[in-house]
Amino acid sequence: MGNARKKHSSEFKLKVALAAVRADDSPAIARQYGIAYSLVHKWRNQLENQGYLAFGINNDQEKETMKKKIAKLEQMIGKKEVELNLLKNFSDFYQSENGSS
């Protein structure tokens, strides 16, 4: 068995922790979601002690992913601005060549 750990989303952790609190049966919830009881217990305790902040987006990996997505989107916007300017210039040139004002 490898040493790889599955990363669970904040939403999933909150969902499992809430289910554990509601059902008051962490082992059954662990079986239902196919995860270790220790995780259910840990997430339930985090929820009870820290509330919704326990699973907030403070994971450095999630932040880095979001930064990369933002940079990519900003780059796409820049390309679109250049394309629009080129089209506008072409349109202005075409109109001036055809005598339109």
Protein backbone atom coordinates (compact mmCIF):
# COMPACT_ATOMS: atom_id res chain seq x y z
CA MET A 1 0.00 0.00 0.00
CA GLY A 2 1.37 3.41 -1.02
CA ASN A 3 1.89 6.45 1.12
CA ALA A 4 -0.42 8.59 -1.01
CA ARG A 5 -3.13 10.43 0.88
CA LYS A 6 -6.40 11.44 -0.65
CA LYS A 7 -7.17 15.14 -0.33
CA HIS A 8 -10.76 15.78 0.63
CA SER A 9 -12.43 19.07 -0.22
CA SER A 10 -13.61 21.43 2.48
CA GLU A 11 -17.19 20.85 1.33
CA PHE A 12 -16.83 17.07 1.70
CA LYS A 13 -15.33 17.37 5.19
CA LEU A 14 -18.14 19.66 6.30
CA LYS A 15 -20.77 17.34 4.83
CA VAL A 16 -19.32 14.32 6.65
CA ALA A 17 -18.88 16.21 9.94
CA LEU A 18 -22.47 17.46 9.85
CA ALA A 19 -23.74 13.97 9.08
CA ALA A 20 -21.76 12.62 12.03
CA VAL A 21 -23.21 15.25 14.36
CA ARG A 22 -26.76 14.67 13.14
CA ALA A 23 -26.59 10.89 13.26
CA ASP A 24 -24.49 10.78 16.42
CA ASP A 25 -22.95 7.62 14.97
CA SER A 26 -19.51 8.37 13.56
CA PRO A 27 -18.64 4.72 12.75
CA ALA A 28 -21.77 4.39 10.60
CA ILE A 29 -20.97 7.65 8.80
CA ALA A 30 -17.41 6.45 8.18
CA ARG A 31 -18.78 3.28 6.57
CA GLN A 32 -21.35 5.25 4.57
CA TYR A 33 -18.70 7.52 3.03
CA GLY A 34 -16.01 4.85 2.81
CA ILE A 35 -13.48 6.71 4.94
CA ALA A 36 -11.64 5.98 8.16
CA TYR A 37 -13.50 6.49 11.43
CA SER A 38 -10.56 8.55 12.69
CA LEU A 39 -11.19 11.11 9.93
CA VAL A 40 -14.88 11.37 10.78
CA HIS A 41 -14.02 11.78 14.45
CA LYS A 42 -11.35 14.41 13.67
CA TRP A 43 -13.64 16.41 11.35
CA ARG A 44 -16.54 16.22 13.78
CA ASN A 45 -14.34 17.55 16.58
CA GLN A 46 -13.06 20.33 14.32
CA LEU A 47 -16.62 21.32 13.47
CA GLU A 48 -17.69 21.29 17.11
CA ASN A 49 -14.65 23.31 18.24
CA GLN A 50 -14.18 25.73 15.34
CA GLY A 51 -17.54 25.84 13.59
CA TYR A 52 -17.63 26.42 9.86
CA LEU A 53 -14.13 27.96 9.99
CA ALA A 54 -12.70 24.48 10.54
CA PHE A 55 -12.98 23.67 6.87
CA GLY A 56 -12.45 27.10 5.33
CA ILE A 57 -10.19 27.71 2.39
CA ASN A 58 -6.88 28.16 4.11
CA ASN A 59 -5.08 25.34 2.44
CA ASP A 60 -1.94 26.66 0.73
CA GLN A 61 -2.40 24.25 -2.18
CA GLU A 62 -5.96 25.51 -2.79
CA LYS A 63 -4.75 29.11 -2.65
CA GLU A 64 -1.97 28.39 -5.13
CA THR A 65 -4.42 26.70 -7.50
CA MET A 66 -6.71 29.73 -7.35
CA LYS A 67 -3.79 32.10 -8.00
CA LYS A 68 -2.83 30.08 -11.10
CA LYS A 69 -6.42 30.16 -12.38
CA ILE A 70 -6.58 33.93 -11.87
CA ALA A 71 -3.29 34.45 -13.71
CA LYS A 72 -4.51 32.31 -16.61
CA LEU A 73 -7.79 34.24 -16.81
CA GLU A 74 -5.96 37.57 -16.70
CA GLN A 75 -3.75 36.37 -19.56
CA MET A 76 -6.84 35.36 -21.56
CA ILE A 77 -8.39 38.78 -20.97
CA GLY A 78 -5.21 40.46 -22.20
CA LYS A 79 -5.26 38.39 -25.40
CA LYS A 80 -8.91 39.27 -26.00
CA GLU A 81 -8.15 42.98 -25.56
CA VAL A 82 -5.40 42.73 -28.20
CA GLU A 83 -7.77 40.89 -30.55
CA LEU A 84 -10.46 43.53 -30.07
CA ASN A 85 -7.99 46.34 -30.76
CA LEU A 86 -6.79 44.58 -33.92
CA LEU A 87 -10.36 44.12 -35.13
CA LYS A 88 -11.18 47.74 -34.36
CA ASN A 89 -8.09 48.93 -36.23
CA PHE A 90 -8.93 46.70 -39.19
CA SER A 91 -12.51 47.96 -39.20
CA ASP A 92 -11.37 51.60 -39.07
CA PHE A 93 -8.86 50.94 -41.87
CA TYR A 94 -11.44 49.12 -44.00
CA GLN A 95 -13.97 51.95 -43.58
CA SER A 96 -11.38 54.59 -44.49
CA GLU A 97 -10.35 52.63 -47.62
CA ASN A 98 -13.96 52.40 -48.77
CA GLY A 99 -14.65 56.05 -48.19
CA SER A 100 -16.98 55.55 -45.24
CA SER A 101 -16.80 57.90 -42.33
